[in-house]
Amino acid sequence: IKALACEVKESTFITYFILGVFSAVILMIVPFSTSIPMW
């Protein structure tokens, strides 16, 4: 099979930004997971 293609850019900044925010939120709330439902 042959294909006609063109290179496009992806945003690595978005990827690292989302991973950083996700990790920070998890690290913040997991130690207090037993109290979160009441809060």
Full PDB file with SEQRES, HELIX, SHEET, SSBOND, CRYST1, ORIGX, SCALE, CONECT and MASTER records, all heavy atoms in Angstrom:
SEQRES   1 A   39  ILE LYS ALA LEU ALA CYS GLU VAL LYS GLU SER THR PHE          
SEQRES   2 A   39  ILE THR TYR PHE ILE LEU GLY VAL PHE SER ALA VAL ILE          
SEQRES   3 A   39  LEU MET ILE VAL PRO PHE SER THR SER ILE PRO MET TRP          
HELIX    1 AA1 THR A   12  ILE A   29  1                                  18    
HELIX    2 AA2 VAL A   30  PHE A   32  5                                   3    
CRYST1    1.000    1.000    1.000  90.00  90.00  90.00 P 1           1          
ORIGX1      1.000000  0.000000  0.000000        0.00000                         
ORIGX2      0.000000  1.000000  0.000000        0.00000                         
ORIGX3      0.000000  0.000000  1.000000        0.00000                         
SCALE1      1.000000  0.000000  0.000000        0.00000                         
SCALE2      0.000000  1.000000  0.000000        0.00000                         
SCALE3      0.000000  0.000000  1.000000        0.00000                         
ATOM      1  N   ILE A   1       0.843  -1.191   0.000  1.00  0.00           N  
ATOM      2  CA  ILE A   1       0.000   0.000   0.000  1.00  0.00           C  
ATOM      3  C   ILE A   1       0.882   1.246   0.000  1.00  0.00           C  
ATOM      4  O   ILE A   1       1.917   1.300   0.676  1.00  0.00           O  
ATOM      5  CB  ILE A   1      -0.941   0.004   1.228  1.00  0.00           C  
ATOM      6  CG1 ILE A   1      -1.877  -1.203   1.177  1.00  0.00           C  
ATOM      7  CG2 ILE A   1      -1.742   1.291   1.303  1.00  0.00           C  
ATOM      8  CD1 ILE A   1      -2.765  -1.327   2.397  1.00  0.00           C  
ATOM      9  N   LYS A   2       0.479   2.231  -0.744  1.00  0.00           N  
ATOM     10  CA  LYS A   2       1.165   3.506  -0.779  1.00  0.00           C  
ATOM     11  C   LYS A   2       0.270   4.595  -0.198  1.00  0.00           C  
ATOM     12  O   LYS A   2      -0.958   4.491  -0.243  1.00  0.00           O  
ATOM     13  CB  LYS A   2       1.560   3.864  -2.210  1.00  0.00           C  
ATOM     14  CG  LYS A   2       2.561   2.900  -2.826  1.00  0.00           C  
ATOM     15  CD  LYS A   2       2.947   3.333  -4.225  1.00  0.00           C  
ATOM     16  CE  LYS A   2       3.975   2.367  -4.828  1.00  0.00           C  
ATOM     17  NZ  LYS A   2       4.381   2.778  -6.198  1.00  0.00           N  
ATOM     18  N   ALA A   3       0.895   5.631   0.346  1.00  0.00           N  
ATOM     19  CA  ALA A   3       0.136   6.714   0.979  1.00  0.00           C  
ATOM     20  C   ALA A   3       0.790   8.045   0.661  1.00  0.00           C  
ATOM     21  O   ALA A   3       2.014   8.143   0.503  1.00  0.00           O  
ATOM     22  CB  ALA A   3       0.061   6.512   2.489  1.00  0.00           C  
ATOM     23  N   LEU A   4      -0.055   9.053   0.576  1.00  0.00           N  
ATOM     24  CA  LEU A   4       0.406  10.425   0.383  1.00  0.00           C  
ATOM     25  C   LEU A   4       0.199  11.168   1.692  1.00  0.00           C  
ATOM     26  O   LEU A   4      -0.933  11.245   2.192  1.00  0.00           O  
ATOM     27  CB  LEU A   4      -0.386  11.096  -0.746  1.00  0.00           C  
ATOM     28  CG  LEU A   4       0.217  12.366  -1.363  1.00  0.00           C  
ATOM     29  CD1 LEU A   4       1.583  12.057  -1.979  1.00  0.00           C  
ATOM     30  CD2 LEU A   4      -0.728  12.947  -2.400  1.00  0.00           C  
ATOM     31  N   ALA A   5       1.271  11.694   2.278  1.00  0.00           N  
ATOM     32  CA  ALA A   5       1.216  12.243   3.633  1.00  0.00           C  
ATOM     33  C   ALA A   5       1.928  13.577   3.704  1.00  0.00           C  
ATOM     34  O   ALA A   5       2.623  13.999   2.768  1.00  0.00           O  
ATOM     35  CB  ALA A   5       1.833  11.268   4.631  1.00  0.00           C  
ATOM     36  N   CYS A   6       1.748  14.224   4.847  1.00  0.00           N  
ATOM     37  CA  CYS A   6       2.393  15.507   5.110  1.00  0.00           C  
ATOM     38  C   CYS A   6       2.708  15.576   6.598  1.00  0.00           C  
ATOM     39  O   CYS A   6       1.893  15.166   7.443  1.00  0.00           O  
ATOM     40  CB  CYS A   6       1.471  16.656   4.710  1.00  0.00           C  
ATOM     41  SG  CYS A   6       2.169  18.302   4.995  1.00  0.00           S  
ATOM     42  N   GLU A   7       3.877  16.071   6.938  1.00  0.00           N  
ATOM     43  CA  GLU A   7       4.264  16.162   8.347  1.00  0.00           C  
ATOM     44  C   GLU A   7       3.530  17.298   9.043  1.00  0.00           C  
ATOM     45  O   GLU A   7       3.428  18.414   8.525  1.00  0.00           O  
ATOM     46  CB  GLU A   7       5.764  16.391   8.482  1.00  0.00           C  
ATOM     47  CG  GLU A   7       6.243  16.447   9.926  1.00  0.00           C  
ATOM     48  CD  GLU A   7       7.722  16.728  10.046  1.00  0.00           C  
ATOM     49  OE1 GLU A   7       8.399  16.788   9.010  1.00  0.00           O  
ATOM     50  OE2 GLU A   7       8.196  16.892  11.193  1.00  0.00           O  
ATOM     51  N   VAL A   8       2.978  17.010  10.225  1.00  0.00           N  
ATOM     52  CA  VAL A   8       2.333  18.017  11.064  1.00  0.00           C  
ATOM     53  C   VAL A   8       3.001  18.001  12.438  1.00  0.00           C  
ATOM     54  O   VAL A   8       3.637  17.021  12.827  1.00  0.00           O  
ATOM     55  CB  VAL A   8       0.814  17.761  11.194  1.00  0.00           C  
ATOM     56  CG1 VAL A   8       0.112  17.983   9.874  1.00  0.00           C  
ATOM     57  CG2 VAL A   8       0.537  16.352  11.718  1.00  0.00           C  
ATOM     58  N   LYS A   9       2.848  19.089  13.167  1.00  0.00           N  
ATOM     59  CA  LYS A   9       3.507  19.242  14.461  1.00  0.00           C  
ATOM     60  C   LYS A   9       2.576  18.823  15.596  1.00  0.00           C  
ATOM     61  O   LYS A   9       1.365  19.023  15.536  1.00  0.00           O  
ATOM     62  CB  LYS A   9       3.934  20.692  14.672  1.00  0.00           C  
ATOM     63  CG  LYS A   9       4.829  21.266  13.585  1.00  0.00           C  
ATOM     64  CD  LYS A   9       6.188  20.601  13.564  1.00  0.00           C  
ATOM     65  CE  LYS A   9       7.096  21.282  12.543  1.00  0.00           C  
ATOM     66  NZ  LYS A   9       8.433  20.656  12.494  1.00  0.00           N  
ATOM     67  N   GLU A  10       3.159  18.251  16.625  1.00  0.00           N  
ATOM     68  CA  GLU A  10       2.423  18.008  17.862  1.00  0.00           C  
ATOM     69  C   GLU A  10       2.998  18.880  18.967  1.00  0.00           C  
ATOM     70  O   GLU A  10       4.156  19.286  18.915  1.00  0.00           O  
ATOM     71  CB  GLU A  10       2.485  16.536  18.264  1.00  0.00           C  
ATOM     72  CG  GLU A  10       3.869  16.008  18.533  1.00  0.00           C  
ATOM     73  CD  GLU A  10       3.855  14.573  18.990  1.00  0.00           C  
ATOM     74  OE1 GLU A  10       2.905  14.196  19.718  1.00  0.00           O  
ATOM     75  OE2 GLU A  10       4.772  13.819  18.628  1.00  0.00           O  
ATOM     76  N   SER A  11       2.182  19.151  19.977  1.00  0.00           N  
ATOM     77  CA  SER A  11       2.600  20.041  21.055  1.00  0.00           C  
ATOM     78  C   SER A  11       3.111  19.219  22.230  1.00  0.00           C  
ATOM     79  O   SER A  11       2.330  18.699  23.033  1.00  0.00           O  
ATOM     80  CB  SER A  11       1.424  20.935  21.493  1.00  0.00           C  
ATOM     81  OG  SER A  11       1.804  21.761  22.567  1.00  0.00           O  
ATOM     82  N   THR A  12       4.423  19.102  22.337  1.00  0.00           N  
ATOM     83  CA  THR A  12       4.997  18.396  23.490  1.00  0.00           C  
ATOM     84  C   THR A  12       4.802  19.195  24.772  1.00  0.00           C  
ATOM     85  O   THR A  12       4.737  18.619  25.868  1.00  0.00           O  
ATOM     86  CB  THR A  12       6.489  18.145  23.254  1.00  0.00           C  
ATOM     87  OG1 THR A  12       7.144  19.394  22.939  1.00  0.00           O  
ATOM     88  CG2 THR A  12       6.701  17.187  22.093  1.00  0.00           C  
ATOM     89  N   PHE A  13       4.693  20.517  24.654  1.00  0.00           N  
ATOM     90  CA  PHE A  13       4.456  21.340  25.841  1.00  0.00           C  
ATOM     91  C   PHE A  13       3.137  20.969  26.492  1.00  0.00           C  
ATOM     92  O   PHE A  13       3.047  20.863  27.723  1.00  0.00           O  
ATOM     93  CB  PHE A  13       4.453  22.818  25.454  1.00  0.00           C  
ATOM     94  CG  PHE A  13       4.136  23.749  26.593  1.00  0.00           C  
ATOM     95  CD1 PHE A  13       5.121  24.163  27.463  1.00  0.00           C  
ATOM     96  CD2 PHE A  13       2.834  24.194  26.803  1.00  0.00           C  
ATOM     97  CE1 PHE A  13       4.831  24.997  28.535  1.00  0.00           C  
ATOM     98  CE2 PHE A  13       2.531  25.036  27.861  1.00  0.00           C  
ATOM     99  CZ  PHE A  13       3.529  25.439  28.727  1.00  0.00           C  
ATOM    100  N   ILE A  14       2.094  20.765  25.691  1.00  0.00           N  
ATOM    101  CA  ILE A  14       0.790  20.378  26.231  1.00  0.00           C  
ATOM    102  C   ILE A  14       0.901  19.043  26.961  1.00  0.00           C  
ATOM    103  O   ILE A  14       0.346  18.860  28.058  1.00  0.00           O  
ATOM    104  CB  ILE A  14      -0.255  20.285  25.104  1.00  0.00           C  
ATOM    105  CG1 ILE A  14      -0.524  21.664  24.507  1.00  0.00           C  
ATOM    106  CG2 ILE A  14      -1.551  19.670  25.616  1.00  0.00           C  
ATOM    107  CD1 ILE A  14      -1.283  22.594  25.400  1.00  0.00           C  
ATOM    108  N   THR A  15       1.627  18.102  26.366  1.00  0.00           N  
ATOM    109  CA  THR A  15       1.770  16.776  26.974  1.00  0.00           C  
ATOM    110  C   THR A  15       2.437  16.866  28.339  1.00  0.00           C  
ATOM    111  O   THR A  15       1.923  16.323  29.335  1.00  0.00           O  
ATOM    112  CB  THR A  15       2.599  15.862  26.055  1.00  0.00           C  
ATOM    113  OG1 THR A  15       1.948  15.753  24.781  1.00  0.00           O  
ATOM    114  CG2 THR A  15       2.752  14.483  26.665  1.00  0.00           C  
ATOM    115  N   TYR A  16       3.573  17.555  28.430  1.00  0.00           N  
ATOM    116  CA  TYR A  16       4.278  17.661  29.705  1.00  0.00           C  
ATOM    117  C   TYR A  16       3.493  18.503  30.713  1.00  0.00           C  
ATOM    118  O   TYR A  16       3.529  18.235  31.922  1.00  0.00           O  
ATOM    119  CB  TYR A  16       5.670  18.264  29.484  1.00  0.00           C  
ATOM    120  CG  TYR A  16       6.610  17.334  28.751  1.00  0.00           C  
ATOM    121  CD1 TYR A  16       7.240  17.727  27.568  1.00  0.00           C  
ATOM    122  CD2 TYR A  16       6.870  16.058  29.235  1.00  0.00           C  
ATOM    123  CE1 TYR A  16       8.100  16.876  26.892  1.00  0.00           C  
ATOM    124  CE2 TYR A  16       7.727  15.200  28.566  1.00  0.00           C  
ATOM    125  CZ  TYR A  16       8.332  15.618  27.400  1.00  0.00           C  
ATOM    126  OH  TYR A  16       9.177  14.761  26.735  1.00  0.00           O  
ATOM    127  N   PHE A  17       2.795  19.508  30.233  1.00  0.00           N  
ATOM    128  CA  PHE A  17       1.987  20.337  31.117  1.00  0.00           C  
ATOM    129  C   PHE A  17       0.888  19.512  31.772  1.00  0.00           C  
ATOM    130  O   PHE A  17       0.679  19.584  32.996  1.00  0.00           O  
ATOM    131  CB  PHE A  17       1.388  21.500  30.328  1.00  0.00           C  
ATOM    132  CG  PHE A  17       0.568  22.446  31.150  1.00  0.00           C  
ATOM    133  CD1 PHE A  17       1.161  23.512  31.812  1.00  0.00           C  
ATOM    134  CD2 PHE A  17      -0.805  22.286  31.266  1.00  0.00           C  
ATOM    135  CE1 PHE A  17       0.406  24.384  32.580  1.00  0.00           C  
ATOM    136  CE2 PHE A  17      -1.573  23.150  32.027  1.00  0.00           C  
ATOM    137  CZ  PHE A  17      -0.965  24.208  32.679  1.00  0.00           C  
ATOM    138  N   ILE A  18       0.171  18.731  30.980  1.00  0.00           N  
ATOM    139  CA  ILE A  18      -0.915  17.906  31.519  1.00  0.00           C  
ATOM    140  C   ILE A  18      -0.377  16.849  32.475  1.00  0.00           C  
ATOM    141  O   ILE A  18      -0.943  16.612  33.555  1.00  0.00           O  
ATOM    142  CB  ILE A  18      -1.706  17.272  30.368  1.00  0.00           C  
ATOM    143  CG1 ILE A  18      -2.501  18.349  29.623  1.00  0.00           C  
ATOM    144  CG2 ILE A  18      -2.647  16.193  30.882  1.00  0.00           C  
ATOM    145  CD1 ILE A  18      -3.236  17.840  28.414  1.00  0.00           C  
ATOM    146  N   LEU A  19       0.735  16.200  32.102  1.00  0.00           N  
ATOM    147  CA  LEU A  19       1.327  15.206  32.993  1.00  0.00           C  
ATOM    148  C   LEU A  19       1.756  15.830  34.319  1.00  0.00           C  
ATOM    149  O   LEU A  19       1.584  15.232  35.394  1.00  0.00           O  
ATOM    150  CB  LEU A  19       2.519  14.545  32.309  1.00  0.00           C  
ATOM    151  CG  LEU A  19       2.209  13.600  31.146  1.00  0.00           C  
ATOM    152  CD1 LEU A  19       3.503  13.115  30.498  1.00  0.00           C  
ATOM    153  CD2 LEU A  19       1.376  12.421  31.618  1.00  0.00           C  
ATOM    154  N   GLY A  20       2.326  17.046  34.260  1.00  0.00           N  
ATOM    155  CA  GLY A  20       2.747  17.723  35.478  1.00  0.00           C  
ATOM    156  C   GLY A  20       1.587  18.092  36.378  1.00  0.00           C  
ATOM    157  O   GLY A  20       1.630  17.861  37.601  1.00  0.00           O  
ATOM    158  N   VAL A  21       0.523  18.652  35.800  1.00  0.00           N  
ATOM    159  CA  VAL A  21      -0.648  19.032  36.593  1.00  0.00           C  
ATOM    160  C   VAL A  21      -1.324  17.797  37.178  1.00  0.00           C  
ATOM    161  O   VAL A  21      -1.699  17.773  38.359  1.00  0.00           O  
ATOM    162  CB  VAL A  21      -1.641  19.843  35.738  1.00  0.00           C  
ATOM    163  CG1 VAL A  21      -2.929  20.110  36.512  1.00  0.00           C  
ATOM    164  CG2 VAL A  21      -1.015  21.163  35.309  1.00  0.00           C  
ATOM    165  N   PHE A  22      -1.472  16.744  36.374  1.00  0.00           N  
ATOM    166  CA  PHE A  22      -2.098  15.511  36.847  1.00  0.00           C  
ATOM    167  C   PHE A  22      -1.310  14.911  38.013  1.00  0.00           C  
ATOM    168  O   PHE A  22      -1.890  14.518  39.031  1.00  0.00           O  
ATOM    169  CB  PHE A  22      -2.194  14.521  35.689  1.00  0.00           C  
ATOM    170  CG  PHE A  22      -2.800  13.194  36.060  1.00  0.00           C  
ATOM    171  CD1 PHE A  22      -4.178  13.038  36.103  1.00  0.00           C  
ATOM    172  CD2 PHE A  22      -1.996  12.099  36.361  1.00  0.00           C  
ATOM    173  CE1 PHE A  22      -4.738  11.814  36.439  1.00  0.00           C  
ATOM    174  CE2 PHE A  22      -2.544  10.878  36.700  1.00  0.00           C  
ATOM    175  CZ  PHE A  22      -3.921  10.733  36.735  1.00  0.00           C  
ATOM    176  N   SER A  23       0.013  14.861  37.866  1.00  0.00           N  
ATOM    177  CA  SER A  23       0.847  14.296  38.938  1.00  0.00           C  
ATOM    178  C   SER A  23       0.765  15.134  40.209  1.00  0.00           C  
ATOM    179  O   SER A  23       0.681  14.583  41.318  1.00  0.00           O  
ATOM    180  CB  SER A  23       2.301  14.202  38.462  1.00  0.00           C  
ATOM    181  OG  SER A  23       2.413  13.411  37.298  1.00  0.00           O  
ATOM    182  N   ALA A  24       0.775  16.456  40.060  1.00  0.00           N  
ATOM    183  CA  ALA A  24       0.708  17.322  41.237  1.00  0.00           C  
ATOM    184  C   ALA A  24      -0.615  17.154  41.973  1.00  0.00           C  
ATOM    185  O   ALA A  24      -0.650  17.093  43.215  1.00  0.00           O  
ATOM    186  CB  ALA A  24       0.900  18.780  40.812  1.00  0.00           C  
ATOM    187  N   VAL A  25      -1.715  17.060  41.231  1.00  0.00           N  
ATOM    188  CA  VAL A  25      -3.022  16.887  41.867  1.00  0.00           C  
ATOM    189  C   VAL A  25      -3.088  15.554  42.595  1.00  0.00           C  
ATOM    190  O   VAL A  25      -3.576  15.472  43.731  1.00  0.00           O  
ATOM    191  CB  VAL A  25      -4.145  17.003  40.814  1.00  0.00           C  
ATOM    192  CG1 VAL A  25      -5.488  16.608  41.420  1.00  0.00           C  
ATOM    193  CG2 VAL A  25      -4.221  18.420  40.266  1.00  0.00           C  
ATOM    194  N   ILE A  26      -2.594  14.498  41.959  1.00  0.00           N  
ATOM    195  CA  ILE A  26      -2.610  13.174  42.592  1.00  0.00           C  
ATOM    196  C   ILE A  26      -1.786  13.177  43.878  1.00  0.00           C  
ATOM    197  O   ILE A  26      -2.217  12.664  44.929  1.00  0.00           O  
ATOM    198  CB  ILE A  26      -2.084  12.101  41.610  1.00  0.00           C  
ATOM    199  CG1 ILE A  26      -3.078  11.889  40.470  1.00  0.00           C  
ATOM    200  CG2 ILE A  26      -1.841  10.785  42.341  1.00  0.00           C  
ATOM    201  CD1 ILE A  26      -4.412  11.346  40.899  1.00  0.00           C  
ATOM    202  N   LEU A  27      -0.592  13.766  43.830  1.00  0.00           N  
ATOM    203  CA  LEU A  27       0.266  13.807  45.018  1.00  0.00           C  
ATOM    204  C   LEU A  27      -0.356  14.625  46.144  1.00  0.00           C  
ATOM    205  O   LEU A  27      -0.101  14.362  47.328  1.00  0.00           O  
ATOM    206  CB  LEU A  27       1.636  14.375  44.646  1.00  0.00           C  
ATOM    207  CG  LEU A  27       2.510  13.498  43.747  1.00  0.00           C  
ATOM    208  CD1 LEU A  27       3.788  14.230  43.365  1.00  0.00           C  
ATOM    209  CD2 LEU A  27       2.838  12.170  44.430  1.00  0.00           C  
ATOM    210  N   MET A  28      -1.165  15.610  45.787  1.00  0.00           N  
ATOM    211  CA  MET A  28      -1.803  16.452  46.801  1.00  0.00           C  
ATOM    212  C   MET A  28      -2.963  15.755  47.493  1.00  0.00           C  
ATOM    213  O   MET A  28      -3.128  15.857  48.719  1.00  0.00           O  
ATOM    214  CB  MET A  28      -2.285  17.749  46.165  1.00  0.00           C  
ATOM    215  CG  MET A  28      -1.189  18.751  45.854  1.00  0.00           C  
ATOM    216  SD  MET A  28      -0.591  19.606  47.325  1.00  0.00           S  
ATOM    217  CE  MET A  28      -1.983  20.680  47.676  1.00  0.00           C  
ATOM    218  N   ILE A  29      -3.792  15.046  46.729  1.00  0.00           N  
ATOM    219  CA  ILE A  29      -5.050  14.550  47.305  1.00  0.00           C  
ATOM    220  C   ILE A  29      -4.974  13.101  47.789  1.00  0.00           C  
ATOM    221  O   ILE A  29      -5.749  12.719  48.676  1.00  0.00           O  
ATOM    222  CB  ILE A  29      -6.206  14.696  46.302  1.00  0.00           C  
ATOM    223  CG1 ILE A  29      -5.984  13.813  45.072  1.00  0.00           C  
ATOM    224  CG2 ILE A  29      -6.385  16.146  45.901  1.00  0.00           C  
ATOM    225  CD1 ILE A  29      -7.132  13.870  44.074  1.00  0.00           C  
ATOM    226  N   VAL A  30      -4.058  12.292  47.246  1.00  0.00           N  
ATOM    227  CA  VAL A  30      -4.009  10.886  47.636  1.00  0.00           C  
ATOM    228  C   VAL A  30      -3.705  10.697  49.126  1.00  0.00           C  
ATOM    229  O   VAL A  30      -4.326   9.851  49.786  1.00  0.00           O  
ATOM    230  CB  VAL A  30      -2.993  10.120  46.757  1.00  0.00           C  
ATOM    231  CG1 VAL A  30      -2.634   8.769  47.375  1.00  0.00           C  
ATOM    232  CG2 VAL A  30      -3.565   9.906  45.359  1.00  0.00           C  
ATOM    233  N   PRO A  31      -2.757  11.440  49.736  1.00  0.00           N  
ATOM    234  CA  PRO A  31      -2.509  11.236  51.171  1.00  0.00           C  
ATOM    235  C   PRO A  31      -3.721  11.497  52.054  1.00  0.00           C  
ATOM    236  O   PRO A  31      -3.763  11.046  53.197  1.00  0.00           O  
ATOM    237  CB  PRO A  31      -1.381  12.244  51.475  1.00  0.00           C  
ATOM    238  CG  PRO A  31      -0.701  12.451  50.170  1.00  0.00           C  
ATOM    239  CD  PRO A  31      -1.796  12.399  49.160  1.00  0.00           C  
ATOM    240  N   PHE A  32      -4.722  12.216  51.562  1.00  0.00           N  
ATOM    241  CA  PHE A  32      -5.913  12.532  52.352  1.00  0.00           C  
ATOM    242  C   PHE A  32      -7.161  11.904  51.747  1.00  0.00           C  
ATOM    243  O   PHE A  32      -8.264  12.431  51.889  1.00  0.00           O  
ATOM    244  CB  PHE A  32      -6.090  14.055  52.432  1.00  0.00           C  
ATOM    245  CG  PHE A  32      -4.882  14.786  52.906  1.00  0.00           C  
ATOM    246  CD1 PHE A  32      -3.991  15.359  51.992  1.00  0.00           C  
ATOM    247  CD2 PHE A  32      -4.588  14.899  54.258  1.00  0.00           C  
ATOM    248  CE1 PHE A  32      -2.869  16.030  52.429  1.00  0.00           C  
ATOM    249  CE2 PHE A  32      -3.468  15.564  54.704  1.00  0.00           C  
ATOM    250  CZ  PHE A  32      -2.593  16.138  53.780  1.00  0.00           C  
ATOM    251  N   SER A  33      -6.993  10.776  51.071  1.00  0.00           N  
ATOM    252  CA  SER A  33      -8.102  10.161  50.341  1.00  0.00           C  
ATOM    253  C   SER A  33      -9.242   9.751  51.262  1.00  0.00           C  
ATOM    254  O   SER A  33     -10.405   9.760  50.860  1.00  0.00           O  
ATOM    255  CB  SER A  33      -7.604   8.952  49.558  1.00  0.00           C  
ATOM    256  OG  SER A  33      -6.973   8.008  50.422  1.00  0.00           O  
ATOM    257  N   THR A  34      -8.956   9.394  52.513  1.00  0.00           N  
ATOM    258  CA  THR A  34     -10.026   8.967  53.420  1.00  0.00           C  
ATOM    259  C   THR A  34     -10.918  10.119  53.841  1.00  0.00           C  
ATOM    260  O   THR A  34     -12.079   9.909  54.192  1.00  0.00           O  
ATOM    261  CB  THR A  34      -9.426   8.312  54.674  1.00  0.00           C  
ATOM    262  OG1 THR A  34      -8.521   9.238  55.298  1.00  0.00           O  
ATOM    263  CG2 THR A  34      -8.683   7.033  54.315  1.00  0.00           C  
ATOM    264  N   SER A  35     -10.404  11.333  53.812  1.00  0.00           N  
ATOM    265  CA  SER A  35     -11.182  12.487  54.232  1.00  0.00           C  
ATOM    266  C   SER A  35     -11.888  13.193  53.083  1.00  0.00           C  
ATOM    267  O   SER A  35     -12.769  14.023  53.320  1.00  0.00           O  
ATOM    268  CB  SER A  35     -10.274  13.508  54.941  1.00  0.00           C  
ATOM    269  OG  SER A  35      -9.628  12.932  56.050  1.00  0.00           O  
ATOM    270  N   ILE A  36     -11.511  12.880  51.854  1.00  0.00           N  
ATOM    271  CA  ILE A  36     -12.058  13.602  50.705  1.00  0.00           C  
ATOM    272  C   ILE A  36     -13.574  13.473  50.590  1.00  0.00           C  
ATOM    273  O   ILE A  36     -14.255  14.470  50.314  1.00  0.00           O  
ATOM    274  CB  ILE A  36     -11.347  13.137  49.420  1.00  0.00           C  
ATOM    275  CG1 ILE A  36      -9.923  13.714  49.394  1.00  0.00           C  
ATOM    276  CG2 ILE A  36     -12.106  13.576  48.165  1.00  0.00           C  
ATOM    277  CD1 ILE A  36      -9.104  13.279  48.204  1.00  0.00           C  
ATOM    278  N   PRO A  37     -14.185  12.279  50.779  1.00  0.00           N  
ATOM    279  CA  PRO A  37     -15.653  12.220  50.671  1.00  0.00           C  
ATOM    280  C   PRO A  37     -16.368  13.173  51.623  1.00  0.00           C  
ATOM    281  O   PRO A  37     -17.360  13.817  51.243  1.00  0.00           O  
ATOM    282  CB  PRO A  37     -15.964  10.759  51.004  1.00  0.00           C  
ATOM    283  CG  PRO A  37     -14.723  10.012  50.622  1.00  0.00           C  
ATOM    284  CD  PRO A  37     -13.593  10.938  50.956  1.00  0.00           C  
ATOM    285  N   MET A  38     -15.877  13.301  52.869  1.00  0.00           N  
ATOM    286  CA  MET A  38     -16.507  14.231  53.810  1.00  0.00           C  
ATOM    287  C   MET A  38     -16.329  15.668  53.356  1.00  0.00           C  
ATOM    288  O   MET A  38     -17.255  16.477  53.442  1.00  0.00           O  
ATOM    289  CB  MET A  38     -15.902  14.043  55.205  1.00  0.00           C  
ATOM    290  CG  MET A  38     -16.285  12.755  55.884  1.00  0.00           C  
ATOM    291  SD  MET A  38     -15.712  12.721  57.597  1.00  0.00           S  
ATOM    292  CE  MET A  38     -13.950  12.877  57.367  1.00  0.00           C  
ATOM    293  N   TRP A  39     -15.151  15.999  52.858  1.00  0.00           N  
ATOM    294  CA  TRP A  39     -14.897  17.371  52.401  1.00  0.00           C  
ATOM    295  C   TRP A  39     -15.766  17.717  51.194  1.00  0.00           C  
ATOM    296  O   TRP A  39     -16.252  18.843  51.078  1.00  0.00           O  
ATOM    297  CB  TRP A  39     -13.421  17.534  52.054  1.00  0.00           C  
ATOM    298  CG  TRP A  39     -12.524  17.477  53.255  1.00  0.00           C  
ATOM    299  CD1 TRP A  39     -12.880  17.701  54.552  1.00  0.00           C  
ATOM    300  CD2 TRP A  39     -11.126  17.171  53.278  1.00  0.00           C  
ATOM    301  NE1 TRP A  39     -11.790  17.559  55.381  1.00  0.00           N  
ATOM    302  CE2 TRP A  39     -10.696  17.237  54.629  1.00  0.00           C  
ATOM    303  CE3 TRP A  39     -10.199  16.839  52.295  1.00  0.00           C  
ATOM    304  CZ2 TRP A  39      -9.387  16.992  55.003  1.00  0.00           C  
ATOM    305  CZ3 TRP A  39      -8.885  16.603  52.666  1.00  0.00           C  
ATOM    306  CH2 TRP A  39      -8.480  16.674  54.009  1.00  0.00           C  
TER     307      TRP A  39                                                      
MASTER        0    0    0    2    0    0    0    6  306    1    0    3          
END                                                                             
